[in-house]
Amino acid sequence: MKDIKYEEAVRQLEAIVDKMERGELDIDSMAGQLKQAQELVKLCKQKLKRTDDEIQKLLDKQ
């Protein structure tokens, strides 16, 4: 899953939330979707942190 881009991870998260809001998930699939959502959130946080660190390094050089 680490190979997906940030934008794709956000799209997948939005799709999961949309399914939940519309009540399209039964209890069995909801558990799996929640686990996937947790992994996607973690991935997004890592990518944002890495980008923020890179920006800070660039700003510190100026």
PDB file of N, CA and C in Angstrom:
ATOM      1  N   MET A   1       0.822  -1.203   0.000  1.00  0.00           N
ATOM      2  CA  MET A   1       0.000   0.000   0.000  1.00  0.00           C
ATOM      3  C   MET A   1       0.863   1.262   0.000  1.00  0.00           C
ATOM      4  N   LYS A   2       2.112   1.161   0.397  1.00  0.00           N
ATOM      5  CA  LYS A   2       2.963   2.342   0.472  1.00  0.00           C
ATOM      6  C   LYS A   2       3.291   2.928  -0.892  1.00  0.00           C
ATOM      7  N   ASP A   3       3.006   2.181  -1.938  1.00  0.00           N
ATOM      8  CA  ASP A   3       3.324   2.664  -3.278  1.00  0.00           C
ATOM      9  C   ASP A   3       2.260   3.602  -3.843  1.00  0.00           C
ATOM     10  N   ILE A   4       1.132   3.728  -3.180  1.00  0.00           N
ATOM     11  CA  ILE A   4       0.096   4.595  -3.717  1.00  0.00           C
ATOM     12  C   ILE A   4       0.397   6.048  -3.385  1.00  0.00           C
ATOM     13  N   LYS A   5      -0.066   6.920  -4.232  1.00  0.00           N
ATOM     14  CA  LYS A   5       0.153   8.348  -4.040  1.00  0.00           C
ATOM     15  C   LYS A   5      -0.823   8.891  -3.005  1.00  0.00           C
ATOM     16  N   TYR A   6      -0.470  10.019  -2.443  1.00  0.00           N
ATOM     17  CA  TYR A   6      -1.295  10.664  -1.424  1.00  0.00           C
ATOM     18  C   TYR A   6      -2.718  10.889  -1.933  1.00  0.00           C
ATOM     19  N   GLU A   7      -2.838  11.411  -3.131  1.00  0.00           N
ATOM     20  CA  GLU A   7      -4.150  11.723  -3.690  1.00  0.00           C
ATOM     21  C   GLU A   7      -5.025  10.475  -3.819  1.00  0.00           C
ATOM     22  N   GLU A   8      -4.420   9.363  -4.198  1.00  0.00           N
ATOM     23  CA  GLU A   8      -5.161   8.106  -4.315  1.00  0.00           C
ATOM     24  C   GLU A   8      -5.606   7.616  -2.933  1.00  0.00           C
ATOM     25  N   ALA A   9      -4.737   7.753  -1.950  1.00  0.00           N
ATOM     26  CA  ALA A   9      -5.097   7.351  -0.588  1.00  0.00           C
ATOM     27  C   ALA A   9      -6.286   8.167  -0.085  1.00  0.00           C
ATOM     28  N   VAL A  10      -6.266   9.467  -0.359  1.00  0.00           N
ATOM     29  CA  VAL A  10      -7.378  10.328   0.053  1.00  0.00           C
ATOM     30  C   VAL A  10      -8.657   9.915  -0.667  1.00  0.00           C
ATOM     31  N   ARG A  11      -8.568   9.610  -1.948  1.00  0.00           N
ATOM     32  CA  ARG A  11      -9.749   9.166  -2.706  1.00  0.00           C
ATOM     33  C   ARG A  11     -10.331   7.878  -2.112  1.00  0.00           C
ATOM     34  N   GLN A  12      -9.449   6.958  -1.753  1.00  0.00           N
ATOM     35  CA  GLN A  12      -9.909   5.714  -1.159  1.00  0.00           C
ATOM     36  C   GLN A  12     -10.579   5.967   0.190  1.00  0.00           C
ATOM     37  N   LEU A  13      -9.998   6.849   0.986  1.00  0.00           N
ATOM     38  CA  LEU A  13     -10.609   7.207   2.272  1.00  0.00           C
ATOM     39  C   LEU A  13     -11.985   7.827   2.066  1.00  0.00           C
ATOM     40  N   GLU A  14     -12.084   8.727   1.113  1.00  0.00           N
ATOM     41  CA  GLU A  14     -13.369   9.361   0.820  1.00  0.00           C
ATOM     42  C   GLU A  14     -14.407   8.329   0.393  1.00  0.00           C
ATOM     43  N   ALA A  15     -13.993   7.338  -0.377  1.00  0.00           N
ATOM     44  CA  ALA A  15     -14.912   6.293  -0.827  1.00  0.00           C
ATOM     45  C   ALA A  15     -15.407   5.466   0.356  1.00  0.00           C
ATOM     46  N   ILE A  16     -14.513   5.156   1.284  1.00  0.00           N
ATOM     47  CA  ILE A  16     -14.904   4.391   2.471  1.00  0.00           C
ATOM     48  C   ILE A  16     -15.895   5.193   3.304  1.00  0.00           C
ATOM     49  N   VAL A  17     -15.594   6.463   3.523  1.00  0.00           N
ATOM     50  CA  VAL A  17     -16.490   7.319   4.306  1.00  0.00           C
ATOM     51  C   VAL A  17     -17.847   7.433   3.624  1.00  0.00           C
ATOM     52  N   ASP A  18     -17.843   7.580   2.315  1.00  0.00           N
ATOM     53  CA  ASP A  18     -19.092   7.685   1.567  1.00  0.00           C
ATOM     54  C   ASP A  18     -19.948   6.432   1.736  1.00  0.00           C
ATOM     55  N   LYS A  19     -19.314   5.263   1.641  1.00  0.00           N
ATOM     56  CA  LYS A  19     -20.046   4.008   1.827  1.00  0.00           C
ATOM     57  C   LYS A  19     -20.639   3.924   3.230  1.00  0.00           C
ATOM     58  N   MET A  20     -19.870   4.364   4.215  1.00  0.00           N
ATOM     59  CA  MET A  20     -20.361   4.333   5.596  1.00  0.00           C
ATOM     60  C   MET A  20     -21.543   5.275   5.778  1.00  0.00           C
ATOM     61  N   GLU A  21     -21.424   6.460   5.222  1.00  0.00           N
ATOM     62  CA  GLU A  21     -22.495   7.451   5.356  1.00  0.00           C
ATOM     63  C   GLU A  21     -23.786   6.986   4.687  1.00  0.00           C
ATOM     64  N   ARG A  22     -23.646   6.254   3.593  1.00  0.00           N
ATOM     65  CA  ARG A  22     -24.828   5.768   2.877  1.00  0.00           C
ATOM     66  C   ARG A  22     -25.342   4.445   3.429  1.00  0.00           C
ATOM     67  N   GLY A  23     -24.638   3.907   4.430  1.00  0.00           N
ATOM     68  CA  GLY A  23     -25.067   2.648   5.034  1.00  0.00           C
ATOM     69  C   GLY A  23     -24.893   1.454   4.126  1.00  0.00           C
ATOM     70  N   GLU A  24     -23.899   1.506   3.246  1.00  0.00           N
ATOM     71  CA  GLU A  24     -23.689   0.426   2.282  1.00  0.00           C
ATOM     72  C   GLU A  24     -22.808  -0.701   2.819  1.00  0.00           C
ATOM     73  N   LEU A  25     -22.297  -0.559   4.021  1.00  0.00           N
ATOM     74  CA  LEU A  25     -21.402  -1.587   4.560  1.00  0.00           C
ATOM     75  C   LEU A  25     -22.116  -2.392   5.634  1.00  0.00           C
ATOM     76  N   ASP A  26     -22.036  -3.713   5.502  1.00  0.00           N
ATOM     77  CA  ASP A  26     -22.559  -4.536   6.583  1.00  0.00           C
ATOM     78  C   ASP A  26     -21.484  -4.625   7.667  1.00  0.00           C
ATOM     79  N   ILE A  27     -21.823  -5.182   8.795  1.00  0.00           N
ATOM     80  CA  ILE A  27     -20.914  -5.194   9.934  1.00  0.00           C
ATOM     81  C   ILE A  27     -19.607  -5.933   9.630  1.00  0.00           C
ATOM     82  N   ASP A  28     -19.673  -6.980   8.831  1.00  0.00           N
ATOM     83  CA  ASP A  28     -18.475  -7.745   8.502  1.00  0.00           C
ATOM     84  C   ASP A  28     -17.518  -6.954   7.617  1.00  0.00           C
ATOM     85  N   SER A  29     -18.048  -6.317   6.594  1.00  0.00           N
ATOM     86  CA  SER A  29     -17.176  -5.558   5.702  1.00  0.00           C
ATOM     87  C   SER A  29     -16.739  -4.243   6.335  1.00  0.00           C
ATOM     88  N   MET A  30     -17.525  -3.732   7.290  1.00  0.00           N
ATOM     89  CA  MET A  30     -17.159  -2.477   7.949  1.00  0.00           C
ATOM     90  C   MET A  30     -15.840  -2.617   8.707  1.00  0.00           C
ATOM     91  N   ALA A  31     -15.643  -3.737   9.368  1.00  0.00           N
ATOM     92  CA  ALA A  31     -14.401  -3.952  10.104  1.00  0.00           C
ATOM     93  C   ALA A  31     -13.191  -3.904   9.169  1.00  0.00           C
ATOM     94  N   GLY A  32     -13.309  -4.550   8.033  1.00  0.00           N
ATOM     95  CA  GLY A  32     -12.218  -4.540   7.054  1.00  0.00           C
ATOM     96  C   GLY A  32     -11.983  -3.158   6.480  1.00  0.00           C
ATOM     97  N   GLN A  33     -13.060  -2.448   6.210  1.00  0.00           N
ATOM     98  CA  GLN A  33     -12.941  -1.099   5.659  1.00  0.00           C
ATOM     99  C   GLN A  33     -12.325  -0.138   6.680  1.00  0.00           C
ATOM    100  N   LEU A  34     -12.690  -0.310   7.944  1.00  0.00           N
ATOM    101  CA  LEU A  34     -12.102   0.532   8.983  1.00  0.00           C
ATOM    102  C   LEU A  34     -10.604   0.282   9.121  1.00  0.00           C
ATOM    103  N   LYS A  35     -10.209  -0.977   9.016  1.00  0.00           N
ATOM    104  CA  LYS A  35      -8.779  -1.301   9.083  1.00  0.00           C
ATOM    105  C   LYS A  35      -8.047  -0.672   7.897  1.00  0.00           C
ATOM    106  N   GLN A  36      -8.638  -0.772   6.725  1.00  0.00           N
ATOM    107  CA  GLN A  36      -8.017  -0.160   5.543  1.00  0.00           C
ATOM    108  C   GLN A  36      -7.942   1.355   5.712  1.00  0.00           C
ATOM    109  N   ALA A  37      -8.999   1.952   6.258  1.00  0.00           N
ATOM    110  CA  ALA A  37      -9.001   3.399   6.475  1.00  0.00           C
ATOM    111  C   ALA A  37      -7.893   3.805   7.441  1.00  0.00           C
ATOM    112  N   GLN A  38      -7.681   3.016   8.482  1.00  0.00           N
ATOM    113  CA  GLN A  38      -6.604   3.307   9.428  1.00  0.00           C
ATOM    114  C   GLN A  38      -5.245   3.289   8.732  1.00  0.00           C
ATOM    115  N   GLU A  39      -5.038   2.300   7.885  1.00  0.00           N
ATOM    116  CA  GLU A  39      -3.776   2.200   7.152  1.00  0.00           C
ATOM    117  C   GLU A  39      -3.606   3.382   6.200  1.00  0.00           C
ATOM    118  N   LEU A  40      -4.684   3.787   5.550  1.00  0.00           N
ATOM    119  CA  LEU A  40      -4.619   4.925   4.628  1.00  0.00           C
ATOM    120  C   LEU A  40      -4.328   6.219   5.374  1.00  0.00           C
ATOM    121  N   VAL A  41      -4.950   6.408   6.532  1.00  0.00           N
ATOM    122  CA  VAL A  41      -4.689   7.610   7.334  1.00  0.00           C
ATOM    123  C   VAL A  41      -3.228   7.633   7.770  1.00  0.00           C
ATOM    124  N   LYS A  42      -2.726   6.501   8.210  1.00  0.00           N
ATOM    125  CA  LYS A  42      -1.318   6.413   8.626  1.00  0.00           C
ATOM    126  C   LYS A  42      -0.393   6.760   7.455  1.00  0.00           C
ATOM    127  N   LEU A  43      -0.694   6.214   6.288  1.00  0.00           N
ATOM    128  CA  LEU A  43       0.107   6.490   5.098  1.00  0.00           C
ATOM    129  C   LEU A  43       0.083   7.979   4.756  1.00  0.00           C
ATOM    130  N   CYS A  44      -1.101   8.578   4.803  1.00  0.00           N
ATOM    131  CA  CYS A  44      -1.226  10.006   4.496  1.00  0.00           C
ATOM    132  C   CYS A  44      -0.426  10.849   5.488  1.00  0.00           C
ATOM    133  N   LYS A  45      -0.515  10.509   6.762  1.00  0.00           N
ATOM    134  CA  LYS A  45       0.239  11.246   7.784  1.00  0.00           C
ATOM    135  C   LYS A  45       1.739  11.151   7.528  1.00  0.00           C
ATOM    136  N   GLN A  46       2.207   9.956   7.175  1.00  0.00           N
ATOM    137  CA  GLN A  46       3.631   9.769   6.893  1.00  0.00           C
ATOM    138  C   GLN A  46       4.061  10.609   5.696  1.00  0.00           C
ATOM    139  N   LYS A  47       3.253  10.602   4.650  1.00  0.00           N
ATOM    140  CA  LYS A  47       3.605  11.373   3.459  1.00  0.00           C
ATOM    141  C   LYS A  47       3.587  12.874   3.748  1.00  0.00           C
ATOM    142  N   LEU A  48       2.615  13.339   4.518  1.00  0.00           N
ATOM    143  CA  LEU A  48       2.555  14.760   4.873  1.00  0.00           C
ATOM    144  C   LEU A  48       3.742  15.147   5.753  1.00  0.00           C
ATOM    145  N   LYS A  49       4.095  14.295   6.694  1.00  0.00           N
ATOM    146  CA  LYS A  49       5.239  14.571   7.585  1.00  0.00           C
ATOM    147  C   LYS A  49       6.530  14.641   6.777  1.00  0.00           C
ATOM    148  N   ARG A  50       6.706  13.688   5.874  1.00  0.00           N
ATOM    149  CA  ARG A  50       7.915  13.663   5.038  1.00  0.00           C
ATOM    150  C   ARG A  50       7.994  14.928   4.186  1.00  0.00           C
ATOM    151  N   THR A  51       6.889  15.337   3.604  1.00  0.00           N
ATOM    152  CA  THR A  51       6.859  16.542   2.780  1.00  0.00           C
ATOM    153  C   THR A  51       7.142  17.779   3.628  1.00  0.00           C
ATOM    154  N   ASP A  52       6.545  17.846   4.807  1.00  0.00           N
ATOM    155  CA  ASP A  52       6.780  18.966   5.708  1.00  0.00           C
ATOM    156  C   ASP A  52       8.258  19.046   6.104  1.00  0.00           C
ATOM    157  N   ASP A  53       8.863  17.900   6.403  1.00  0.00           N
ATOM    158  CA  ASP A  53      10.292  17.873   6.749  1.00  0.00           C
ATOM    159  C   ASP A  53      11.148  18.381   5.596  1.00  0.00           C
ATOM    160  N   GLU A  54      10.815  17.970   4.378  1.00  0.00           N
ATOM    161  CA  GLU A  54      11.575  18.412   3.210  1.00  0.00           C
ATOM    162  C   GLU A  54      11.433  19.918   3.000  1.00  0.00           C
ATOM    163  N   ILE A  55      10.234  20.433   3.187  1.00  0.00           N
ATOM    164  CA  ILE A  55      10.009  21.875   3.039  1.00  0.00           C
ATOM    165  C   ILE A  55      10.790  22.644   4.097  1.00  0.00           C
ATOM    166  N   GLN A  56      10.778  22.138   5.330  1.00  0.00           N
ATOM    167  CA  GLN A  56      11.521  22.803   6.401  1.00  0.00           C
ATOM    168  C   GLN A  56      13.019  22.831   6.100  1.00  0.00           C
ATOM    169  N   LYS A  57      13.546  21.745   5.567  1.00  0.00           N
ATOM    170  CA  LYS A  57      14.970  21.703   5.202  1.00  0.00           C
ATOM    171  C   LYS A  57      15.288  22.757   4.144  1.00  0.00           C
ATOM    172  N   LEU A  58      14.398  22.878   3.152  1.00  0.00           N
ATOM    173  CA  LEU A  58      14.605  23.875   2.100  1.00  0.00           C
ATOM    174  C   LEU A  58      14.543  25.294   2.662  1.00  0.00           C
ATOM    175  N   LEU A  59      13.599  25.537   3.553  1.00  0.00           N
ATOM    176  CA  LEU A  59      13.472  26.864   4.148  1.00  0.00           C
ATOM    177  C   LEU A  59      14.656  27.193   5.051  1.00  0.00           C
ATOM    178  N   ASP A  60      15.179  26.199   5.741  1.00  0.00           N
ATOM    179  CA  ASP A  60      16.320  26.414   6.619  1.00  0.00           C
ATOM    180  C   ASP A  60      17.586  26.757   5.850  1.00  0.00           C
ATOM    181  N   LYS A  61      17.675  26.305   4.604  1.00  0.00           N
ATOM    182  CA  LYS A  61      18.855  26.575   3.780  1.00  0.00           C
ATOM    183  C   LYS A  61      18.893  28.014   3.285  1.00  0.00           C
ATOM    184  N   GLN A  62      17.758  28.673   3.280  1.00  0.00           N
ATOM    185  CA  GLN A  62      17.704  30.034   2.725  1.00  0.00           C
ATOM    186  C   GLN A  62      18.218  31.043   3.698  1.00  0.00           C
TER     187      GLN A  62
END
